[in-house]
């Protein structure tokens, strides 16, 4: 199976896409990423908006209508969901073979 050129996702992009399974604006995305990562990933606003611009160009996310004209709201696209799923499968494979290797090596 040929790997998509966008895989592996960076940790930051992975969490941004995951946070956009439900529509969210920038500040909410920052909060969700920090929450989902147990505080391990914290982004500056500039980093987030650079990533958003890139994800929009790749068509992994799209803007959606919101009731607040001051905030831009985004959600993941079907293409974004597929990329997220492919990276999840990649990580699951890595975890599985690592666990098997540890078991064979007597490490638990």
C-alpha atoms as a PDB file:
ATOM      1  CA  UNK A   1       0.000   0.000   0.000  1.00  0.00           C
ATOM      2  CA  UNK A   2       1.389   3.381  -0.989  1.00  0.00           C
ATOM      3  CA  UNK A   3       1.675   5.899   1.820  1.00  0.00           C
ATOM      4  CA  UNK A   4       0.090   9.320   1.419  1.00  0.00           C
ATOM      5  CA  UNK A   5       2.723  12.056   1.174  1.00  0.00           C
ATOM      6  CA  UNK A   6       1.062  13.945   4.060  1.00  0.00           C
ATOM      7  CA  UNK A   7       1.602  11.037   6.459  1.00  0.00           C
ATOM      8  CA  UNK A   8       2.899  11.127   9.148  1.00  0.00           C
ATOM      9  CA  UNK A   9       1.081  14.171  10.401  1.00  0.00           C
ATOM     10  CA  UNK A  10       2.882  16.360  12.873  1.00  0.00           C
ATOM     11  CA  UNK A  11       1.582  16.046  16.401  1.00  0.00           C
ATOM     12  CA  UNK A  12       0.195  19.583  16.223  1.00  0.00           C
ATOM     13  CA  UNK A  13      -1.663  18.974  12.943  1.00  0.00           C
ATOM     14  CA  UNK A  14      -3.015  15.657  14.243  1.00  0.00           C
ATOM     15  CA  UNK A  15      -4.502  17.369  17.286  1.00  0.00           C
ATOM     16  CA  UNK A  16      -5.884  20.273  15.234  1.00  0.00           C
ATOM     17  CA  UNK A  17      -7.679  17.871  12.885  1.00  0.00           C
ATOM     18  CA  UNK A  18      -8.943  15.830  15.810  1.00  0.00           C
ATOM     19  CA  UNK A  19     -10.228  18.969  17.520  1.00  0.00           C
ATOM     20  CA  UNK A  20     -12.144  19.922  14.366  1.00  0.00           C
ATOM     21  CA  UNK A  21     -14.342  16.830  14.289  1.00  0.00           C
ATOM     22  CA  UNK A  22     -16.759  19.401  15.683  1.00  0.00           C
ATOM     23  CA  UNK A  23     -16.727  22.968  14.306  1.00  0.00           C
ATOM     24  CA  UNK A  24     -14.553  25.352  16.324  1.00  0.00           C
ATOM     25  CA  UNK A  25     -12.965  28.797  16.174  1.00  0.00           C
ATOM     26  CA  UNK A  26      -9.291  29.514  16.805  1.00  0.00           C
ATOM     27  CA  UNK A  27      -9.322  29.997  20.556  1.00  0.00           C
ATOM     28  CA  UNK A  28     -11.469  26.893  21.051  1.00  0.00           C
ATOM     29  CA  UNK A  29      -9.066  24.896  18.848  1.00  0.00           C
ATOM     30  CA  UNK A  30      -6.166  26.010  21.071  1.00  0.00           C
ATOM     31  CA  UNK A  31      -8.085  24.893  24.158  1.00  0.00           C
ATOM     32  CA  UNK A  32      -9.100  21.541  22.629  1.00  0.00           C
ATOM     33  CA  UNK A  33      -5.557  20.753  21.477  1.00  0.00           C
ATOM     34  CA  UNK A  34      -4.191  21.412  24.936  1.00  0.00           C
ATOM     35  CA  UNK A  35      -6.955  19.320  26.521  1.00  0.00           C
ATOM     36  CA  UNK A  36      -6.646  16.401  24.069  1.00  0.00           C
ATOM     37  CA  UNK A  37      -2.865  16.319  24.527  1.00  0.00           C
ATOM     38  CA  UNK A  38      -3.095  16.453  28.336  1.00  0.00           C
ATOM     39  CA  UNK A  39      -1.271  19.774  28.238  1.00  0.00           C
ATOM     40  CA  UNK A  40       1.637  18.384  26.201  1.00  0.00           C
ATOM     41  CA  UNK A  41       0.904  20.505  23.116  1.00  0.00           C
ATOM     42  CA  UNK A  42       0.496  24.249  23.530  1.00  0.00           C
ATOM     43  CA  UNK A  43       0.476  26.518  20.530  1.00  0.00           C
ATOM     44  CA  UNK A  44       0.857  30.206  20.031  1.00  0.00           C
ATOM     45  CA  UNK A  45      -1.890  31.838  17.982  1.00  0.00           C
ATOM     46  CA  UNK A  46       0.528  32.452  15.101  1.00  0.00           C
ATOM     47  CA  UNK A  47       1.427  28.762  14.931  1.00  0.00           C
ATOM     48  CA  UNK A  48      -2.250  27.818  14.896  1.00  0.00           C
ATOM     49  CA  UNK A  49      -3.201  30.253  12.161  1.00  0.00           C
ATOM     50  CA  UNK A  50      -0.245  29.194  10.005  1.00  0.00           C
ATOM     51  CA  UNK A  51      -1.372  25.579  10.371  1.00  0.00           C
ATOM     52  CA  UNK A  52      -4.986  26.535   9.597  1.00  0.00           C
ATOM     53  CA  UNK A  53      -3.909  28.275   6.379  1.00  0.00           C
ATOM     54  CA  UNK A  54      -1.962  25.185   5.323  1.00  0.00           C
ATOM     55  CA  UNK A  55      -4.832  22.829   6.197  1.00  0.00           C
ATOM     56  CA  UNK A  56      -7.250  25.016   4.212  1.00  0.00           C
ATOM     57  CA  UNK A  57      -4.942  24.833   1.153  1.00  0.00           C
ATOM     58  CA  UNK A  58      -4.750  21.046   1.504  1.00  0.00           C
ATOM     59  CA  UNK A  59      -8.567  20.930   1.834  1.00  0.00           C
ATOM     60  CA  UNK A  60      -8.287  19.017   5.119  1.00  0.00           C
ATOM     61  CA  UNK A  61     -10.468  21.640   6.824  1.00  0.00           C
ATOM     62  CA  UNK A  62     -13.001  24.182   5.622  1.00  0.00           C
ATOM     63  CA  UNK A  63     -14.591  27.314   7.013  1.00  0.00           C
ATOM     64  CA  UNK A  64     -18.212  27.091   8.150  1.00  0.00           C
ATOM     65  CA  UNK A  65     -20.856  29.698   8.806  1.00  0.00           C
ATOM     66  CA  UNK A  66     -21.076  30.981  12.343  1.00  0.00           C
ATOM     67  CA  UNK A  67     -23.367  33.360  14.147  1.00  0.00           C
ATOM     68  CA  UNK A  68     -20.407  35.520  15.146  1.00  0.00           C
ATOM     69  CA  UNK A  69     -18.890  37.550  12.313  1.00  0.00           C
ATOM     70  CA  UNK A  70     -15.795  38.260  14.458  1.00  0.00           C
ATOM     71  CA  UNK A  71     -14.748  34.612  14.625  1.00  0.00           C
ATOM     72  CA  UNK A  72     -13.845  32.247  11.817  1.00  0.00           C
ATOM     73  CA  UNK A  73     -15.103  28.741  12.464  1.00  0.00           C
ATOM     74  CA  UNK A  74     -13.623  25.644  10.835  1.00  0.00           C
ATOM     75  CA  UNK A  75     -14.397  21.939  10.584  1.00  0.00           C
ATOM     76  CA  UNK A  76     -12.596  18.905   9.221  1.00  0.00           C
ATOM     77  CA  UNK A  77     -13.461  17.740   5.693  1.00  0.00           C
ATOM     78  CA  UNK A  78     -13.927  14.165   4.516  1.00  0.00           C
ATOM     79  CA  UNK A  79     -10.392  14.315   3.083  1.00  0.00           C
ATOM     80  CA  UNK A  80      -9.137  15.515   6.469  1.00  0.00           C
ATOM     81  CA  UNK A  81     -10.933  12.643   8.207  1.00  0.00           C
ATOM     82  CA  UNK A  82      -9.342  10.172   5.810  1.00  0.00           C
ATOM     83  CA  UNK A  83      -5.848  11.555   6.484  1.00  0.00           C
ATOM     84  CA  UNK A  84      -6.525  11.428  10.238  1.00  0.00           C
ATOM     85  CA  UNK A  85      -7.701   7.802   9.901  1.00  0.00           C
ATOM     86  CA  UNK A  86      -4.632   6.831   7.854  1.00  0.00           C
ATOM     87  CA  UNK A  87      -2.297   8.317  10.445  1.00  0.00           C
ATOM     88  CA  UNK A  88      -4.200   6.544  13.226  1.00  0.00           C
ATOM     89  CA  UNK A  89      -3.757   3.228  11.399  1.00  0.00           C
ATOM     90  CA  UNK A  90      -0.028   3.945  10.975  1.00  0.00           C
ATOM     91  CA  UNK A  91       0.353   4.627  14.699  1.00  0.00           C
ATOM     92  CA  UNK A  92      -1.721   1.557  15.662  1.00  0.00           C
ATOM     93  CA  UNK A  93       0.575  -0.597  13.523  1.00  0.00           C
ATOM     94  CA  UNK A  94       3.648   0.919  15.174  1.00  0.00           C
ATOM     95  CA  UNK A  95       2.209   0.340  18.641  1.00  0.00           C
ATOM     96  CA  UNK A  96       1.276  -3.256  17.801  1.00  0.00           C
ATOM     97  CA  UNK A  97       4.693  -4.237  16.510  1.00  0.00           C
ATOM     98  CA  UNK A  98       6.385  -2.450  19.399  1.00  0.00           C
ATOM     99  CA  UNK A  99       4.234  -4.283  21.954  1.00  0.00           C
ATOM    100  CA  UNK A 100       4.961  -7.606  20.216  1.00  0.00           C
ATOM    101  CA  UNK A 101       8.692  -6.845  20.225  1.00  0.00           C
ATOM    102  CA  UNK A 102       8.608  -6.012  23.934  1.00  0.00           C
ATOM    103  CA  UNK A 103       6.731  -9.229  24.707  1.00  0.00           C
ATOM    104  CA  UNK A 104       9.232 -11.332  22.734  1.00  0.00           C
ATOM    105  CA  UNK A 105      12.086  -9.530  24.464  1.00  0.00           C
ATOM    106  CA  UNK A 106      10.622 -10.209  27.896  1.00  0.00           C
ATOM    107  CA  UNK A 107       9.927  -6.541  28.594  1.00  0.00           C
ATOM    108  CA  UNK A 108       6.465  -5.561  29.729  1.00  0.00           C
END
